């Protein structure tokens, strides 16, 4: 039972880490587009 719940927690942490990574990439892409528009 504990093994199953810890696996679920691990999956949830992985999903959160992936979502944070995607948001960071999107922010970087938006900044690159903004700097290109400003130039």
PDB file of N, CA and C in Angstrom:
ATOM      1  N   UNK A   1       0.843  -1.204   0.000  1.00  0.00           N
ATOM      2  CA  UNK A   1       0.000   0.000   0.000  1.00  0.00           C
ATOM      3  C   UNK A   1       0.879   1.255   0.000  1.00  0.00           C
ATOM      4  N   UNK A   2       1.874   1.279   0.876  1.00  0.00           N
ATOM      5  CA  UNK A   2       2.749   2.454   0.936  1.00  0.00           C
ATOM      6  C   UNK A   2       3.559   2.574  -0.356  1.00  0.00           C
ATOM      7  N   UNK A   3       3.950   1.441  -0.925  1.00  0.00           N
ATOM      8  CA  UNK A   3       4.730   1.478  -2.157  1.00  0.00           C
ATOM      9  C   UNK A   3       3.902   2.113  -3.275  1.00  0.00           C
ATOM     10  N   UNK A   4       2.615   1.782  -3.321  1.00  0.00           N
ATOM     11  CA  UNK A   4       1.740   2.325  -4.360  1.00  0.00           C
ATOM     12  C   UNK A   4       1.586   3.838  -4.207  1.00  0.00           C
ATOM     13  N   UNK A   5       1.392   4.307  -2.977  1.00  0.00           N
ATOM     14  CA  UNK A   5       1.202   5.741  -2.746  1.00  0.00           C
ATOM     15  C   UNK A   5       2.497   6.505  -3.027  1.00  0.00           C
ATOM     16  N   UNK A   6       3.652   5.916  -2.691  1.00  0.00           N
ATOM     17  CA  UNK A   6       4.918   6.598  -2.951  1.00  0.00           C
ATOM     18  C   UNK A   6       5.166   6.676  -4.456  1.00  0.00           C
ATOM     19  N   UNK A   7       4.740   5.654  -5.188  1.00  0.00           N
ATOM     20  CA  UNK A   7       4.864   5.677  -6.643  1.00  0.00           C
ATOM     21  C   UNK A   7       3.994   6.790  -7.206  1.00  0.00           C
ATOM     22  N   UNK A   8       2.796   6.939  -6.635  1.00  0.00           N
ATOM     23  CA  UNK A   8       1.896   8.006  -7.080  1.00  0.00           C
ATOM     24  C   UNK A   8       2.517   9.372  -6.815  1.00  0.00           C
ATOM     25  N   UNK A   9       3.127   9.536  -5.636  1.00  0.00           N
ATOM     26  CA  UNK A   9       3.783  10.808  -5.300  1.00  0.00           C
ATOM     27  C   UNK A   9       4.923  11.085  -6.273  1.00  0.00           C
ATOM     28  N   UNK A  10       5.677  10.034  -6.629  1.00  0.00           N
ATOM     29  CA  UNK A  10       6.782  10.200  -7.566  1.00  0.00           C
ATOM     30  C   UNK A  10       6.248  10.664  -8.921  1.00  0.00           C
ATOM     31  N   UNK A  11       5.180  10.037  -9.399  1.00  0.00           N
ATOM     32  CA  UNK A  11       4.574  10.424 -10.682  1.00  0.00           C
ATOM     33  C   UNK A  11       4.123  11.874 -10.630  1.00  0.00           C
ATOM     34  N   UNK A  12       3.504  12.261  -9.519  1.00  0.00           N
ATOM     35  CA  UNK A  12       2.990  13.629  -9.389  1.00  0.00           C
ATOM     36  C   UNK A  12       4.149  14.632  -9.404  1.00  0.00           C
ATOM     37  N   UNK A  13       5.252  14.296  -8.733  1.00  0.00           N
ATOM     38  CA  UNK A  13       6.422  15.181  -8.716  1.00  0.00           C
ATOM     39  C   UNK A  13       7.020  15.296 -10.117  1.00  0.00           C
ATOM     40  N   UNK A  14       7.055  14.179 -10.858  1.00  0.00           N
ATOM     41  CA  UNK A  14       7.587  14.202 -12.222  1.00  0.00           C
ATOM     42  C   UNK A  14       6.732  15.099 -13.106  1.00  0.00           C
ATOM     43  N   UNK A  15       5.418  14.984 -12.980  1.00  0.00           N
ATOM     44  CA  UNK A  15       4.510  15.815 -13.780  1.00  0.00           C
ATOM     45  C   UNK A  15       4.736  17.285 -13.464  1.00  0.00           C
ATOM     46  N   UNK A  16       4.873  17.610 -12.181  1.00  0.00           N
ATOM     47  CA  UNK A  16       5.081  19.005 -11.778  1.00  0.00           C
ATOM     48  C   UNK A  16       6.406  19.524 -12.350  1.00  0.00           C
ATOM     49  N   UNK A  17       7.446  18.685 -12.307  1.00  0.00           N
ATOM     50  CA  UNK A  17       8.760  19.088 -12.816  1.00  0.00           C
ATOM     51  C   UNK A  17       8.682  19.342 -14.324  1.00  0.00           C
ATOM     52  N   UNK A  18       7.964  18.476 -15.044  1.00  0.00           N
ATOM     53  CA  UNK A  18       7.809  18.645 -16.495  1.00  0.00           C
ATOM     54  C   UNK A  18       7.038  19.923 -16.796  1.00  0.00           C
ATOM     55  N   UNK A  19       5.955  20.174 -16.062  1.00  0.00           N
ATOM     56  CA  UNK A  19       5.159  21.381 -16.294  1.00  0.00           C
ATOM     57  C   UNK A  19       5.990  22.632 -16.036  1.00  0.00           C
ATOM     58  N   UNK A  20       6.798  22.615 -14.972  1.00  0.00           N
ATOM     59  CA  UNK A  20       7.657  23.766 -14.669  1.00  0.00           C
ATOM     60  C   UNK A  20       8.662  23.979 -15.796  1.00  0.00           C
ATOM     61  N   UNK A  21       9.206  22.901 -16.330  1.00  0.00           N
ATOM     62  CA  UNK A  21      10.163  23.005 -17.423  1.00  0.00           C
ATOM     63  C   UNK A  21       9.516  23.597 -18.662  1.00  0.00           C
ATOM     64  N   UNK A  22       8.280  23.168 -18.962  1.00  0.00           N
ATOM     65  CA  UNK A  22       7.564  23.697 -20.126  1.00  0.00           C
ATOM     66  C   UNK A  22       7.317  25.186 -19.953  1.00  0.00           C
ATOM     67  N   UNK A  23       6.898  25.602 -18.758  1.00  0.00           N
ATOM     68  CA  UNK A  23       6.631  27.024 -18.510  1.00  0.00           C
ATOM     69  C   UNK A  23       7.905  27.842 -18.694  1.00  0.00           C
ATOM     70  N   UNK A  24       9.039  27.304 -18.231  1.00  0.00           N
ATOM     71  CA  UNK A  24      10.308  28.017 -18.350  1.00  0.00           C
ATOM     72  C   UNK A  24      10.678  28.183 -19.824  1.00  0.00           C
ATOM     73  N   UNK A  25      10.479  27.138 -20.615  1.00  0.00           N
ATOM     74  CA  UNK A  25      10.792  27.206 -22.048  1.00  0.00           C
ATOM     75  C   UNK A  25       9.885  28.225 -22.731  1.00  0.00           C
ATOM     76  N   UNK A  26       8.605  28.239 -22.358  1.00  0.00           N
ATOM     77  CA  UNK A  26       7.673  29.194 -22.960  1.00  0.00           C
ATOM     78  C   UNK A  26       8.074  30.624 -22.619  1.00  0.00           C
ATOM     79  N   UNK A  27       8.478  30.862 -21.367  1.00  0.00           N
ATOM     80  CA  UNK A  27       8.911  32.206 -20.961  1.00  0.00           C
ATOM     81  C   UNK A  27      10.141  32.630 -21.755  1.00  0.00           C
ATOM     82  N   UNK A  28      11.079  31.700 -21.941  1.00  0.00           N
ATOM     83  CA  UNK A  28      12.300  32.010 -22.687  1.00  0.00           C
ATOM     84  C   UNK A  28      11.957  32.309 -24.145  1.00  0.00           C
ATOM     85  N   UNK A  29      11.035  31.548 -24.716  1.00  0.00           N
ATOM     86  CA  UNK A  29      10.626  31.773 -26.108  1.00  0.00           C
ATOM     87  C   UNK A  29       9.953  33.133 -26.251  1.00  0.00           C
ATOM     88  N   UNK A  30       9.093  33.486 -25.310  1.00  0.00           N
ATOM     89  CA  UNK A  30       8.416  34.790 -25.354  1.00  0.00           C
ATOM     90  C   UNK A  30       9.439  35.915 -25.239  1.00  0.00           C
ATOM     91  N   UNK A  31      10.428  35.762 -24.374  1.00  0.00           N
ATOM     92  CA  UNK A  31      11.459  36.785 -24.212  1.00  0.00           C
ATOM     93  C   UNK A  31      12.265  36.927 -25.499  1.00  0.00           C
ATOM     94  N   UNK A  32      12.567  35.815 -26.152  1.00  0.00           N
ATOM     95  CA  UNK A  32      13.327  35.861 -27.407  1.00  0.00           C
ATOM     96  C   UNK A  32      12.516  36.575 -28.481  1.00  0.00           C
ATOM     97  N   UNK A  33      11.223  36.294 -28.549  1.00  0.00           N
ATOM     98  CA  UNK A  33      10.349  36.951 -29.534  1.00  0.00           C
ATOM     99  C   UNK A  33      10.275  38.440 -29.236  1.00  0.00           C
ATOM    100  N   UNK A  34      10.124  38.807 -27.965  1.00  0.00           N
ATOM    101  CA  UNK A  34      10.039  40.226 -27.588  1.00  0.00           C
ATOM    102  C   UNK A  34      11.318  40.963 -27.988  1.00  0.00           C
ATOM    103  N   UNK A  35      12.476  40.367 -27.713  1.00  0.00           N
ATOM    104  CA  UNK A  35      13.744  41.027 -28.035  1.00  0.00           C
ATOM    105  C   UNK A  35      13.900  41.162 -29.548  1.00  0.00           C
ATOM    106  N   UNK A  36      13.385  40.187 -30.299  1.00  0.00           N
ATOM    107  CA  UNK A  36      13.478  40.247 -31.756  1.00  0.00           C
ATOM    108  C   UNK A  36      12.576  41.366 -32.288  1.00  0.00           C
ATOM    109  N   UNK A  37      11.399  41.531 -31.664  1.00  0.00           N
ATOM    110  CA  UNK A  37      10.471  42.589 -32.080  1.00  0.00           C
ATOM    111  C   UNK A  37      11.061  43.960 -31.758  1.00  0.00           C
ATOM    112  N   UNK A  38      11.723  44.075 -30.590  1.00  0.00           N
ATOM    113  CA  UNK A  38      12.293  45.355 -30.173  1.00  0.00           C
ATOM    114  C   UNK A  38      13.444  45.763 -31.092  1.00  0.00           C
ATOM    115  N   UNK A  39      14.235  44.799 -31.544  1.00  0.00           N
ATOM    116  CA  UNK A  39      15.428  45.099 -32.352  1.00  0.00           C
ATOM    117  C   UNK A  39      15.057  45.701 -33.706  1.00  0.00           C
TER     118      UNK A  39
END
